[in-house]
Amino acid sequence: MIKELKAFLFRGNVLDLAVGMVIGAAFTAIVSSLVADIITPLIGLLFGTPDFSGIKLFDSLMIGNFINAVVSFLIVGTVLFFVMKAANMAMPKKKEEEPAPAGPSEIDLLQDILAELKNK
């Protein structure tokens, strides 16, 4: 049982997933800081205070917090899009391999077989 557990834990997929989760958490902190400390204050300078938490509907529904969450999501998504776009441009491009030349088609092969049969 311990051997199976060790084999499971140290498979490549599990380790890749663990590394991806740790890097994802660290990257989340970077993007969150970028949005909270740079992008949101810039939006505040341009459009006023970007805080909708005071908005209420029927004096009981606090939809302002929901609007804040949606706006934050849109900002994070936009920033993440541009960060990934820049990262993809910085990565070296892989050369596309030329496809191997195709062999004869099925029709060509069948015609060759028919010709051989006629010769016999």
PDB file of N, CA and C in Angstrom:
ATOM      1  N   MET A   1       0.813  -1.187   0.000  1.00  0.00           N
ATOM      2  CA  MET A   1       0.000   0.000   0.000  1.00  0.00           C
ATOM      3  C   MET A   1       0.863   1.260   0.000  1.00  0.00           C
ATOM      4  N   ILE A   2       1.952   1.244   0.755  1.00  0.00           N
ATOM      5  CA  ILE A   2       2.838   2.398   0.799  1.00  0.00           C
ATOM      6  C   ILE A   2       3.526   2.578  -0.549  1.00  0.00           C
ATOM      7  N   LYS A   3       3.869   1.468  -1.204  1.00  0.00           N
ATOM      8  CA  LYS A   3       4.489   1.557  -2.530  1.00  0.00           C
ATOM      9  C   LYS A   3       3.523   2.190  -3.526  1.00  0.00           C
ATOM     10  N   GLU A   4       2.255   1.811  -3.446  1.00  0.00           N
ATOM     11  CA  GLU A   4       1.256   2.399  -4.338  1.00  0.00           C
ATOM     12  C   GLU A   4       1.085   3.893  -4.070  1.00  0.00           C
ATOM     13  N   LEU A   5       1.070   4.258  -2.783  1.00  0.00           N
ATOM     14  CA  LEU A   5       0.958   5.667  -2.428  1.00  0.00           C
ATOM     15  C   LEU A   5       2.162   6.452  -2.938  1.00  0.00           C
ATOM     16  N   LYS A   6       3.340   5.901  -2.765  1.00  0.00           N
ATOM     17  CA  LYS A   6       4.559   6.562  -3.247  1.00  0.00           C
ATOM     18  C   LYS A   6       4.528   6.680  -4.769  1.00  0.00           C
ATOM     19  N   ALA A   7       4.104   5.647  -5.451  1.00  0.00           N
ATOM     20  CA  ALA A   7       4.018   5.697  -6.913  1.00  0.00           C
ATOM     21  C   ALA A   7       3.009   6.747  -7.363  1.00  0.00           C
ATOM     22  N   PHE A   8       1.900   6.856  -6.637  1.00  0.00           N
ATOM     23  CA  PHE A   8       0.885   7.857  -6.977  1.00  0.00           C
ATOM     24  C   PHE A   8       1.397   9.270  -6.734  1.00  0.00           C
ATOM     25  N   LEU A   9       1.993   9.498  -5.564  1.00  0.00           N
ATOM     26  CA  LEU A   9       2.432  10.840  -5.199  1.00  0.00           C
ATOM     27  C   LEU A   9       3.585  11.351  -6.062  1.00  0.00           C
ATOM     28  N   PHE A  10       4.417  10.459  -6.540  1.00  0.00           N
ATOM     29  CA  PHE A  10       5.588  10.894  -7.283  1.00  0.00           C
ATOM     30  C   PHE A  10       5.476  10.660  -8.778  1.00  0.00           C
ATOM     31  N   ARG A  11       4.255  10.454  -9.250  1.00  0.00           N
ATOM     32  CA  ARG A  11       4.045  10.419 -10.694  1.00  0.00           C
ATOM     33  C   ARG A  11       4.264  11.806 -11.231  1.00  0.00           C
ATOM     34  N   GLY A  12       4.630  11.903 -12.473  1.00  0.00           N
ATOM     35  CA  GLY A  12       4.897  13.198 -13.074  1.00  0.00           C
ATOM     36  C   GLY A  12       3.698  14.121 -13.053  1.00  0.00           C
ATOM     37  N   ASN A  13       2.507  13.596 -13.302  1.00  0.00           N
ATOM     38  CA  ASN A  13       1.318  14.445 -13.369  1.00  0.00           C
ATOM     39  C   ASN A  13       1.009  15.102 -12.026  1.00  0.00           C
ATOM     40  N   VAL A  14       1.174  14.367 -10.946  1.00  0.00           N
ATOM     41  CA  VAL A  14       0.859  14.908  -9.631  1.00  0.00           C
ATOM     42  C   VAL A  14       1.865  15.994  -9.260  1.00  0.00           C
ATOM     43  N   LEU A  15       3.146  15.747  -9.546  1.00  0.00           N
ATOM     44  CA  LEU A  15       4.161  16.748  -9.240  1.00  0.00           C
ATOM     45  C   LEU A  15       3.982  17.989 -10.104  1.00  0.00           C
ATOM     46  N   ASP A  16       3.653  17.807 -11.372  1.00  0.00           N
ATOM     47  CA  ASP A  16       3.402  18.948 -12.253  1.00  0.00           C
ATOM     48  C   ASP A  16       2.220  19.767 -11.735  1.00  0.00           C
ATOM     49  N   LEU A  17       1.182  19.089 -11.298  1.00  0.00           N
ATOM     50  CA  LEU A  17       0.013  19.780 -10.763  1.00  0.00           C
ATOM     51  C   LEU A  17       0.365  20.548  -9.492  1.00  0.00           C
ATOM     52  N   ALA A  18       1.159  19.941  -8.624  1.00  0.00           N
ATOM     53  CA  ALA A  18       1.555  20.607  -7.379  1.00  0.00           C
ATOM     54  C   ALA A  18       2.381  21.858  -7.671  1.00  0.00           C
ATOM     55  N   VAL A  19       3.334  21.746  -8.577  1.00  0.00           N
ATOM     56  CA  VAL A  19       4.153  22.905  -8.944  1.00  0.00           C
ATOM     57  C   VAL A  19       3.275  23.985  -9.571  1.00  0.00           C
ATOM     58  N   GLY A  20       2.353  23.585 -10.429  1.00  0.00           N
ATOM     59  CA  GLY A  20       1.449  24.544 -11.059  1.00  0.00           C
ATOM     60  C   GLY A  20       0.579  25.267 -10.043  1.00  0.00           C
ATOM     61  N   MET A  21       0.118  24.549  -9.029  1.00  0.00           N
ATOM     62  CA  MET A  21      -0.712  25.170  -7.994  1.00  0.00           C
ATOM     63  C   MET A  21       0.090  26.193  -7.189  1.00  0.00           C
ATOM     64  N   VAL A  22       1.329  25.853  -6.832  1.00  0.00           N
ATOM     65  CA  VAL A  22       2.158  26.776  -6.052  1.00  0.00           C
ATOM     66  C   VAL A  22       2.487  28.016  -6.872  1.00  0.00           C
ATOM     67  N   ILE A  23       2.869  27.823  -8.116  1.00  0.00           N
ATOM     68  CA  ILE A  23       3.176  28.968  -8.979  1.00  0.00           C
ATOM     69  C   ILE A  23       1.916  29.779  -9.239  1.00  0.00           C
ATOM     70  N   GLY A  24       0.782  29.119  -9.407  1.00  0.00           N
ATOM     71  CA  GLY A  24      -0.481  29.824  -9.599  1.00  0.00           C
ATOM     72  C   GLY A  24      -0.839  30.685  -8.397  1.00  0.00           C
ATOM     73  N   ALA A  25      -0.602  30.171  -7.199  1.00  0.00           N
ATOM     74  CA  ALA A  25      -0.887  30.953  -5.986  1.00  0.00           C
ATOM     75  C   ALA A  25       0.025  32.173  -5.910  1.00  0.00           C
ATOM     76  N   ALA A  26       1.298  31.986  -6.235  1.00  0.00           N
ATOM     77  CA  ALA A  26       2.228  33.112  -6.217  1.00  0.00           C
ATOM     78  C   ALA A  26       1.851  34.131  -7.292  1.00  0.00           C
ATOM     79  N   PHE A  27       1.473  33.658  -8.454  1.00  0.00           N
ATOM     80  CA  PHE A  27       1.092  34.550  -9.545  1.00  0.00           C
ATOM     81  C   PHE A  27      -0.197  35.295  -9.204  1.00  0.00           C
ATOM     82  N   THR A  28      -1.102  34.642  -8.482  1.00  0.00           N
ATOM     83  CA  THR A  28      -2.332  35.297  -8.027  1.00  0.00           C
ATOM     84  C   THR A  28      -2.002  36.488  -7.136  1.00  0.00           C
ATOM     85  N   ALA A  29      -1.022  36.325  -6.262  1.00  0.00           N
ATOM     86  CA  ALA A  29      -0.624  37.426  -5.383  1.00  0.00           C
ATOM     87  C   ALA A  29      -0.071  38.594  -6.205  1.00  0.00           C
ATOM     88  N   ILE A  30       0.693  38.292  -7.238  1.00  0.00           N
ATOM     89  CA  ILE A  30       1.260  39.346  -8.088  1.00  0.00           C
ATOM     90  C   ILE A  30       0.146  40.088  -8.817  1.00  0.00           C
ATOM     91  N   VAL A  31      -0.755  39.356  -9.428  1.00  0.00           N
ATOM     92  CA  VAL A  31      -1.842  39.996 -10.187  1.00  0.00           C
ATOM     93  C   VAL A  31      -2.768  40.763  -9.256  1.00  0.00           C
ATOM     94  N   SER A  32      -3.074  40.208  -8.093  1.00  0.00           N
ATOM     95  CA  SER A  32      -3.936  40.909  -7.136  1.00  0.00           C
ATOM     96  C   SER A  32      -3.291  42.213  -6.679  1.00  0.00           C
ATOM     97  N   SER A  33      -1.993  42.188  -6.417  1.00  0.00           N
ATOM     98  CA  SER A  33      -1.297  43.400  -6.016  1.00  0.00           C
ATOM     99  C   SER A  33      -1.270  44.418  -7.145  1.00  0.00           C
ATOM    100  N   LEU A  34      -1.047  43.963  -8.358  1.00  0.00           N
ATOM    101  CA  LEU A  34      -1.053  44.864  -9.514  1.00  0.00           C
ATOM    102  C   LEU A  34      -2.406  45.556  -9.643  1.00  0.00           C
ATOM    103  N   VAL A  35      -3.469  44.790  -9.496  1.00  0.00           N
ATOM    104  CA  VAL A  35      -4.811  45.359  -9.627  1.00  0.00           C
ATOM    105  C   VAL A  35      -5.127  46.283  -8.451  1.00  0.00           C
ATOM    106  N   ALA A  36      -4.875  45.824  -7.213  1.00  0.00           N
ATOM    107  CA  ALA A  36      -5.248  46.605  -6.029  1.00  0.00           C
ATOM    108  C   ALA A  36      -4.381  47.847  -5.841  1.00  0.00           C
ATOM    109  N   ASP A  37      -3.087  47.726  -6.144  1.00  0.00           N
ATOM    110  CA  ASP A  37      -2.165  48.813  -5.825  1.00  0.00           C
ATOM    111  C   ASP A  37      -1.866  49.752  -6.989  1.00  0.00           C
ATOM    112  N   ILE A  38      -2.128  49.309  -8.219  1.00  0.00           N
ATOM    113  CA  ILE A  38      -1.787  50.151  -9.365  1.00  0.00           C
ATOM    114  C   ILE A  38      -3.002  50.462 -10.231  1.00  0.00           C
ATOM    115  N   ILE A  39      -3.687  49.424 -10.710  1.00  0.00           N
ATOM    116  CA  ILE A  39      -4.780  49.633 -11.663  1.00  0.00           C
ATOM    117  C   ILE A  39      -5.983  50.317 -11.012  1.00  0.00           C
ATOM    118  N   THR A  40      -6.437  49.823  -9.857  1.00  0.00           N
ATOM    119  CA  THR A  40      -7.613  50.403  -9.209  1.00  0.00           C
ATOM    120  C   THR A  40      -7.392  51.865  -8.807  1.00  0.00           C
ATOM    121  N   PRO A  41      -6.237  52.243  -8.228  1.00  0.00           N
ATOM    122  CA  PRO A  41      -6.021  53.669  -7.955  1.00  0.00           C
ATOM    123  C   PRO A  41      -6.006  54.527  -9.221  1.00  0.00           C
ATOM    124  N   LEU A  42      -5.470  53.989 -10.318  1.00  0.00           N
ATOM    125  CA  LEU A  42      -5.505  54.734 -11.579  1.00  0.00           C
ATOM    126  C   LEU A  42      -6.944  54.953 -12.041  1.00  0.00           C
ATOM    127  N   ILE A  43      -7.767  53.943 -11.909  1.00  0.00           N
ATOM    128  CA  ILE A  43      -9.180  54.082 -12.270  1.00  0.00           C
ATOM    129  C   ILE A  43      -9.839  55.101 -11.346  1.00  0.00           C
ATOM    130  N   GLY A  44      -9.459  55.082 -10.074  1.00  0.00           N
ATOM    131  CA  GLY A  44      -9.992  56.052  -9.132  1.00  0.00           C
ATOM    132  C   GLY A  44      -9.615  57.476  -9.501  1.00  0.00           C
ATOM    133  N   LEU A  45      -8.385  57.675 -10.004  1.00  0.00           N
ATOM    134  CA  LEU A  45      -7.967  59.011 -10.440  1.00  0.00           C
ATOM    135  C   LEU A  45      -8.773  59.482 -11.646  1.00  0.00           C
ATOM    136  N   LEU A  46      -9.073  58.544 -12.547  1.00  0.00           N
ATOM    137  CA  LEU A  46      -9.778  58.915 -13.773  1.00  0.00           C
ATOM    138  C   LEU A  46     -11.276  59.097 -13.570  1.00  0.00           C
ATOM    139  N   PHE A  47     -11.901  58.222 -12.780  1.00  0.00           N
ATOM    140  CA  PHE A  47     -13.359  58.204 -12.682  1.00  0.00           C
ATOM    141  C   PHE A  47     -13.894  58.479 -11.287  1.00  0.00           C
ATOM    142  N   GLY A  48     -13.059  58.800 -10.353  1.00  0.00           N
ATOM    143  CA  GLY A  48     -13.505  58.972  -8.969  1.00  0.00           C
ATOM    144  C   GLY A  48     -13.278  57.684  -8.194  1.00  0.00           C
ATOM    145  N   THR A  49     -13.713  57.648  -6.972  1.00  0.00           N
ATOM    146  CA  THR A  49     -13.488  56.476  -6.117  1.00  0.00           C
ATOM    147  C   THR A  49     -14.183  55.245  -6.700  1.00  0.00           C
ATOM    148  N   PRO A  50     -13.400  54.199  -7.008  1.00  0.00           N
ATOM    149  CA  PRO A  50     -14.011  52.996  -7.591  1.00  0.00           C
ATOM    150  C   PRO A  50     -14.572  52.062  -6.523  1.00  0.00           C
ATOM    151  N   ASP A  51     -15.486  52.573  -5.707  1.00  0.00           N
ATOM    152  CA  ASP A  51     -16.078  51.760  -4.647  1.00  0.00           C
ATOM    153  C   ASP A  51     -17.598  51.871  -4.743  1.00  0.00           C
ATOM    154  N   PHE A  52     -18.233  50.753  -4.987  1.00  0.00           N
ATOM    155  CA  PHE A  52     -19.682  50.719  -5.143  1.00  0.00           C
ATOM    156  C   PHE A  52     -20.373  50.101  -3.934  1.00  0.00           C
ATOM    157  N   SER A  53     -19.641  49.892  -2.841  1.00  0.00           N
ATOM    158  CA  SER A  53     -20.204  49.144  -1.709  1.00  0.00           C
ATOM    159  C   SER A  53     -21.378  49.852  -1.048  1.00  0.00           C
ATOM    160  N   GLY A  54     -21.532  51.141  -1.250  1.00  0.00           N
ATOM    161  CA  GLY A  54     -22.645  51.861  -0.648  1.00  0.00           C
ATOM    162  C   GLY A  54     -23.954  51.726  -1.405  1.00  0.00           C
ATOM    163  N   ILE A  55     -23.942  51.088  -2.569  1.00  0.00           N
ATOM    164  CA  ILE A  55     -25.167  50.959  -3.370  1.00  0.00           C
ATOM    165  C   ILE A  55     -26.060  49.875  -2.774  1.00  0.00           C
ATOM    166  N   LYS A  56     -27.307  50.239  -2.519  1.00  0.00           N
ATOM    167  CA  LYS A  56     -28.274  49.283  -1.968  1.00  0.00           C
ATOM    168  C   LYS A  56     -29.509  49.276  -2.862  1.00  0.00           C
ATOM    169  N   LEU A  57     -30.190  48.175  -2.876  1.00  0.00           N
ATOM    170  CA  LEU A  57     -31.437  48.039  -3.611  1.00  0.00           C
ATOM    171  C   LEU A  57     -32.527  47.708  -2.604  1.00  0.00           C
ATOM    172  N   PHE A  58     -33.554  48.517  -2.538  1.00  0.00           N
ATOM    173  CA  PHE A  58     -34.649  48.342  -1.573  1.00  0.00           C
ATOM    174  C   PHE A  58     -34.159  48.399  -0.133  1.00  0.00           C
ATOM    175  N   ASP A  59     -33.111  49.130   0.133  1.00  0.00           N
ATOM    176  CA  ASP A  59     -32.542  49.326   1.472  1.00  0.00           C
ATOM    177  C   ASP A  59     -32.118  48.038   2.168  1.00  0.00           C
ATOM    178  N   SER A  60     -32.152  46.912   1.496  1.00  0.00           N
ATOM    179  CA  SER A  60     -31.742  45.674   2.163  1.00  0.00           C
ATOM    180  C   SER A  60     -30.781  44.843   1.320  1.00  0.00           C
ATOM    181  N   LEU A  61     -30.837  44.996   0.022  1.00  0.00           N
ATOM    182  CA  LEU A  61     -29.948  44.218  -0.847  1.00  0.00           C
ATOM    183  C   LEU A  61     -28.687  45.022  -1.127  1.00  0.00           C
ATOM    184  N   MET A  62     -27.546  44.516  -0.676  1.00  0.00           N
ATOM    185  CA  MET A  62     -26.267  45.203  -0.833  1.00  0.00           C
ATOM    186  C   MET A  62     -25.641  44.815  -2.178  1.00  0.00           C
ATOM    187  N   ILE A  63     -26.193  45.328  -3.253  1.00  0.00           N
ATOM    188  CA  ILE A  63     -25.670  44.955  -4.560  1.00  0.00           C
ATOM    189  C   ILE A  63     -24.360  45.664  -4.876  1.00  0.00           C
ATOM    190  N   GLY A  64     -23.997  46.664  -4.098  1.00  0.00           N
ATOM    191  CA  GLY A  64     -22.740  47.373  -4.317  1.00  0.00           C
ATOM    192  C   GLY A  64     -21.539  46.465  -4.159  1.00  0.00           C
ATOM    193  N   ASN A  65     -21.572  45.576  -3.172  1.00  0.00           N
ATOM    194  CA  ASN A  65     -20.467  44.625  -2.983  1.00  0.00           C
ATOM    195  C   ASN A  65     -20.366  43.677  -4.177  1.00  0.00           C
ATOM    196  N   PHE A  66     -21.514  43.274  -4.690  1.00  0.00           N
ATOM    197  CA  PHE A  66     -21.516  42.411  -5.876  1.00  0.00           C
ATOM    198  C   PHE A  66     -20.927  43.146  -7.072  1.00  0.00           C
ATOM    199  N   ILE A  67     -21.299  44.413  -7.242  1.00  0.00           N
ATOM    200  CA  ILE A  67     -20.748  45.205  -8.347  1.00  0.00           C
ATOM    201  C   ILE A  67     -19.241  45.356  -8.185  1.00  0.00           C
ATOM    202  N   ASN A  68     -18.772  45.581  -6.947  1.00  0.00           N
ATOM    203  CA  ASN A  68     -17.325  45.647  -6.694  1.00  0.00           C
ATOM    204  C   ASN A  68     -16.637  44.352  -7.114  1.00  0.00           C
ATOM    205  N   ALA A  69     -17.250  43.215  -6.774  1.00  0.00           N
ATOM    206  CA  ALA A  69     -16.662  41.920  -7.128  1.00  0.00           C
ATOM    207  C   ALA A  69     -16.621  41.733  -8.641  1.00  0.00           C
ATOM    208  N   VAL A  70     -17.682  42.132  -9.343  1.00  0.00           N
ATOM    209  CA  VAL A  70     -17.721  41.997 -10.804  1.00  0.00           C
ATOM    210  C   VAL A  70     -16.672  42.891 -11.458  1.00  0.00           C
ATOM    211  N   VAL A  71     -16.589  44.140 -10.986  1.00  0.00           N
ATOM    212  CA  VAL A  71     -15.593  45.070 -11.541  1.00  0.00           C
ATOM    213  C   VAL A  71     -14.187  44.552 -11.279  1.00  0.00           C
ATOM    214  N   SER A  72     -13.948  44.060 -10.072  1.00  0.00           N
ATOM    215  CA  SER A  72     -12.635  43.498  -9.735  1.00  0.00           C
ATOM    216  C   SER A  72     -12.313  42.304 -10.628  1.00  0.00           C
ATOM    217  N   PHE A  73     -13.292  41.436 -10.856  1.00  0.00           N
ATOM    218  CA  PHE A  73     -13.099  40.285 -11.736  1.00  0.00           C
ATOM    219  C   PHE A  73     -12.736  40.727 -13.146  1.00  0.00           C
ATOM    220  N   LEU A  74     -13.449  41.725 -13.655  1.00  0.00           N
ATOM    221  CA  LEU A  74     -13.172  42.206 -15.008  1.00  0.00           C
ATOM    222  C   LEU A  74     -11.781  42.833 -15.106  1.00  0.00           C
ATOM    223  N   ILE A  75     -11.381  43.574 -14.072  1.00  0.00           N
ATOM    224  CA  ILE A  75     -10.047  44.177 -14.083  1.00  0.00           C
ATOM    225  C   ILE A  75      -8.974  43.099 -14.013  1.00  0.00           C
ATOM    226  N   VAL A  76      -9.139  42.135 -13.117  1.00  0.00           N
ATOM    227  CA  VAL A  76      -8.158  41.047 -12.990  1.00  0.00           C
ATOM    228  C   VAL A  76      -8.082  40.253 -14.285  1.00  0.00           C
ATOM    229  N   GLY A  77      -9.222  39.949 -14.875  1.00  0.00           N
ATOM    230  CA  GLY A  77      -9.226  39.209 -16.134  1.00  0.00           C
ATOM    231  C   GLY A  77      -8.526  39.969 -17.244  1.00  0.00           C
ATOM    232  N   THR A  78      -8.757  41.270 -17.320  1.00  0.00           N
ATOM    233  CA  THR A  78      -8.117  42.083 -18.348  1.00  0.00           C
ATOM    234  C   THR A  78      -6.614  42.157 -18.132  1.00  0.00           C
ATOM    235  N   VAL A  79      -6.203  42.396 -16.890  1.00  0.00           N
ATOM    236  CA  VAL A  79      -4.771  42.454 -16.587  1.00  0.00           C
ATOM    237  C   VAL A  79      -4.116  41.114 -16.885  1.00  0.00           C
ATOM    238  N   LEU A  80      -4.757  40.040 -16.484  1.00  0.00           N
ATOM    239  CA  LEU A  80      -4.206  38.705 -16.737  1.00  0.00           C
ATOM    240  C   LEU A  80      -4.087  38.433 -18.225  1.00  0.00           C
ATOM    241  N   PHE A  81      -5.065  38.877 -19.002  1.00  0.00           N
ATOM    242  CA  PHE A  81      -5.006  38.710 -20.452  1.00  0.00           C
ATOM    243  C   PHE A  81      -3.766  39.405 -21.018  1.00  0.00           C
ATOM    244  N   PHE A  82      -3.536  40.654 -20.597  1.00  0.00           N
ATOM    245  CA  PHE A  82      -2.397  41.389 -21.131  1.00  0.00           C
ATOM    246  C   PHE A  82      -1.061  40.834 -20.635  1.00  0.00           C
ATOM    247  N   VAL A  83      -1.022  40.352 -19.393  1.00  0.00           N
ATOM    248  CA  VAL A  83       0.204  39.737 -18.881  1.00  0.00           C
ATOM    249  C   VAL A  83       0.525  38.470 -19.669  1.00  0.00           C
ATOM    250  N   MET A  84      -0.487  37.639 -19.914  1.00  0.00           N
ATOM    251  CA  MET A  84      -0.253  36.406 -20.670  1.00  0.00           C
ATOM    252  C   MET A  84       0.111  36.711 -22.121  1.00  0.00           C
ATOM    253  N   LYS A  85      -0.499  37.746 -22.696  1.00  0.00           N
ATOM    254  CA  LYS A  85      -0.179  38.149 -24.064  1.00  0.00           C
ATOM    255  C   LYS A  85       1.294  38.552 -24.147  1.00  0.00           C
ATOM    256  N   ALA A  86       1.764  39.349 -23.172  1.00  0.00           N
ATOM    257  CA  ALA A  86       3.166  39.773 -23.147  1.00  0.00           C
ATOM    258  C   ALA A  86       4.098  38.581 -22.931  1.00  0.00           C
ATOM    259  N   ALA A  87       3.705  37.654 -22.058  1.00  0.00           N
ATOM    260  CA  ALA A  87       4.528  36.475 -21.803  1.00  0.00           C
ATOM    261  C   ALA A  87       4.628  35.605 -23.049  1.00  0.00           C
ATOM    262  N   ASN A  88       3.532  35.455 -23.773  1.00  0.00           N
ATOM    263  CA  ASN A  88       3.554  34.653 -25.001  1.00  0.00           C
ATOM    264  C   ASN A  88       4.422  35.302 -26.070  1.00  0.00           C
ATOM    265  N   MET A  89       4.417  36.633 -26.129  1.00  0.00           N
ATOM    266  CA  MET A  89       5.255  37.315 -27.113  1.00  0.00           C
ATOM    267  C   MET A  89       6.734  37.194 -26.753  1.00  0.00           C
ATOM    268  N   ALA A  90       7.043  37.102 -25.459  1.00  0.00           N
ATOM    269  CA  ALA A  90       8.432  37.000 -25.019  1.00  0.00           C
ATOM    270  C   ALA A  90       8.999  35.594 -25.197  1.00  0.00           C
ATOM    271  N   MET A  91       8.142  34.609 -25.251  1.00  0.00           N
ATOM    272  CA  MET A  91       8.598  33.225 -25.406  1.00  0.00           C
ATOM    273  C   MET A  91       9.080  32.989 -26.826  1.00  0.00           C
ATOM    274  N   PRO A  92      10.157  32.210 -26.990  1.00  0.00           N
ATOM    275  CA  PRO A  92      10.597  31.897 -28.356  1.00  0.00           C
ATOM    276  C   PRO A  92       9.558  31.034 -29.063  1.00  0.00           C
ATOM    277  N   LYS A  93       9.358  31.341 -30.323  1.00  0.00           N
ATOM    278  CA  LYS A  93       8.362  30.597 -31.091  1.00  0.00           C
ATOM    279  C   LYS A  93       8.961  29.287 -31.583  1.00  0.00           C
ATOM    280  N   LYS A  94       8.139  28.254 -31.530  1.00  0.00           N
ATOM    281  CA  LYS A  94       8.563  26.956 -32.032  1.00  0.00           C
ATOM    282  C   LYS A  94       8.393  26.928 -33.540  1.00  0.00           C
ATOM    283  N   LYS A  95       9.356  26.315 -34.199  1.00  0.00           N
ATOM    284  CA  LYS A  95       9.226  26.149 -35.642  1.00  0.00           C
ATOM    285  C   LYS A  95       8.243  25.021 -35.909  1.00  0.00           C
ATOM    286  N   GLU A  96       7.365  25.288 -36.837  1.00  0.00           N
ATOM    287  CA  GLU A  96       6.409  24.247 -37.201  1.00  0.00           C
ATOM    288  C   GLU A  96       7.092  23.239 -38.106  1.00  0.00           C
ATOM    289  N   GLU A  97       6.928  21.994 -37.763  1.00  0.00           N
ATOM    290  CA  GLU A  97       7.512  20.944 -38.580  1.00  0.00           C
ATOM    291  C   GLU A  97       6.681  20.760 -39.836  1.00  0.00           C
ATOM    292  N   GLU A  98       7.392  20.556 -40.936  1.00  0.00           N
ATOM    293  CA  GLU A  98       6.677  20.303 -42.181  1.00  0.00           C
ATOM    294  C   GLU A  98       6.104  18.899 -42.125  1.00  0.00           C
ATOM    295  N   PRO A  99       4.877  18.741 -42.560  1.00  0.00           N
ATOM    296  CA  PRO A  99       4.299  17.389 -42.542  1.00  0.00           C
ATOM    297  C   PRO A  99       5.031  16.482 -43.517  1.00  0.00           C
ATOM    298  N   ALA A 100       5.112  15.240 -43.133  1.00  0.00           N
ATOM    299  CA  ALA A 100       5.768  14.263 -44.004  1.00  0.00           C
ATOM    300  C   ALA A 100       4.947  14.125 -45.287  1.00  0.00           C
ATOM    301  N   PRO A 101       5.637  13.929 -46.401  1.00  0.00           N
ATOM    302  CA  PRO A 101       4.875  13.784 -47.646  1.00  0.00           C
ATOM    303  C   PRO A 101       3.933  12.585 -47.552  1.00  0.00           C
ATOM    304  N   ALA A 102       2.739  12.791 -48.030  1.00  0.00           N
ATOM    305  CA  ALA A 102       1.730  11.739 -47.968  1.00  0.00           C
ATOM    306  C   ALA A 102       2.065  10.647 -48.974  1.00  0.00           C
ATOM    307  N   GLY A 103       1.779   9.435 -48.584  1.00  0.00           N
ATOM    308  CA  GLY A 103       1.989   8.310 -49.483  1.00  0.00           C
ATOM    309  C   GLY A 103       0.849   8.236 -50.491  1.00  0.00           C
ATOM    310  N   PRO A 104       0.824   7.180 -51.258  1.00  0.00           N
ATOM    311  CA  PRO A 104      -0.242   7.036 -52.256  1.00  0.00           C
ATOM    312  C   PRO A 104      -1.603   6.904 -51.564  1.00  0.00           C
ATOM    313  N   SER A 105      -2.627   7.402 -52.240  1.00  0.00           N
ATOM    314  CA  SER A 105      -3.970   7.326 -51.684  1.00  0.00           C
ATOM    315  C   SER A 105      -4.517   5.910 -51.832  1.00  0.00           C
ATOM    316  N   GLU A 106      -5.642   5.675 -51.217  1.00  0.00           N
ATOM    317  CA  GLU A 106      -6.271   4.354 -51.310  1.00  0.00           C
ATOM    318  C   GLU A 106      -6.652   4.038 -52.750  1.00  0.00           C
ATOM    319  N   ILE A 107      -7.104   5.044 -53.465  1.00  0.00           N
ATOM    320  CA  ILE A 107      -7.497   4.829 -54.872  1.00  0.00           C
ATOM    321  C   ILE A 107      -6.282   4.409 -55.688  1.00  0.00           C
ATOM    322  N   ASP A 108      -5.134   5.098 -55.465  1.00  0.00           N
ATOM    323  CA  ASP A 108      -3.914   4.722 -56.185  1.00  0.00           C
ATOM    324  C   ASP A 108      -3.518   3.285 -55.880  1.00  0.00           C
ATOM    325  N   LEU A 109      -3.593   2.908 -54.620  1.00  0.00           N
ATOM    326  CA  LEU A 109      -3.231   1.541 -54.247  1.00  0.00           C
ATOM    327  C   LEU A 109      -4.182   0.520 -54.877  1.00  0.00           C
ATOM    328  N   LEU A 110      -5.477   0.825 -54.854  1.00  0.00           N
ATOM    329  CA  LEU A 110      -6.444  -0.096 -55.451  1.00  0.00           C
ATOM    330  C   LEU A 110      -6.230  -0.213 -56.958  1.00  0.00           C
ATOM    331  N   GLN A 111      -5.895   0.905 -57.617  1.00  0.00           N
ATOM    332  CA  GLN A 111      -5.626   0.852 -59.056  1.00  0.00           C
ATOM    333  C   GLN A 111      -4.378   0.021 -59.343  1.00  0.00           C
ATOM    334  N   ASP A 112      -3.348   0.134 -58.497  1.00  0.00           N
ATOM    335  CA  ASP A 112      -2.139  -0.687 -58.668  1.00  0.00           C
ATOM    336  C   ASP A 112      -2.451  -2.161 -58.494  1.00  0.00           C
ATOM    337  N   ILE A 113      -3.277  -2.480 -57.489  1.00  0.00           N
ATOM    338  CA  ILE A 113      -3.659  -3.889 -57.275  1.00  0.00           C
ATOM    339  C   ILE A 113      -4.441  -4.414 -58.452  1.00  0.00           C
ATOM    340  N   LEU A 114      -5.369  -3.597 -58.962  1.00  0.00           N
ATOM    341  CA  LEU A 114      -6.167  -4.019 -60.115  1.00  0.00           C
ATOM    342  C   LEU A 114      -5.277  -4.247 -61.340  1.00  0.00           C
ATOM    343  N   ALA A 115      -4.309  -3.354 -61.533  1.00  0.00           N
ATOM    344  CA  ALA A 115      -3.379  -3.521 -62.667  1.00  0.00           C
ATOM    345  C   ALA A 115      -2.565  -4.795 -62.524  1.00  0.00           C
ATOM    346  N   GLU A 116      -2.100  -5.093 -61.333  1.00  0.00           N
ATOM    347  CA  GLU A 116      -1.345  -6.326 -61.088  1.00  0.00           C
ATOM    348  C   GLU A 116      -2.191  -7.562 -61.343  1.00  0.00           C
ATOM    349  N   LEU A 117      -3.472  -7.498 -60.908  1.00  0.00           N
ATOM    350  CA  LEU A 117      -4.352  -8.638 -61.134  1.00  0.00           C
ATOM    351  C   LEU A 117      -4.633  -8.844 -62.604  1.00  0.00           C
ATOM    352  N   LYS A 118      -4.748  -7.766 -63.372  1.00  0.00           N
ATOM    353  CA  LYS A 118      -4.984  -7.876 -64.816  1.00  0.00           C
ATOM    354  C   LYS A 118      -3.778  -8.476 -65.533  1.00  0.00           C
ATOM    355  N   ASN A 119      -2.587  -8.186 -65.028  1.00  0.00           N
ATOM    356  CA  ASN A 119      -1.355  -8.704 -65.642  1.00  0.00           C
ATOM    357  C   ASN A 119      -1.199 -10.197 -65.407  1.00  0.00           C
ATOM    358  N   LYS A 120      -1.809 -10.767 -64.439  1.00  0.00           N
ATOM    359  CA  LYS A 120      -1.655 -12.198 -64.133  1.00  0.00           C
ATOM    360  C   LYS A 120      -2.585 -13.024 -64.920  1.00  0.00           C
TER     361      LYS A 120
END
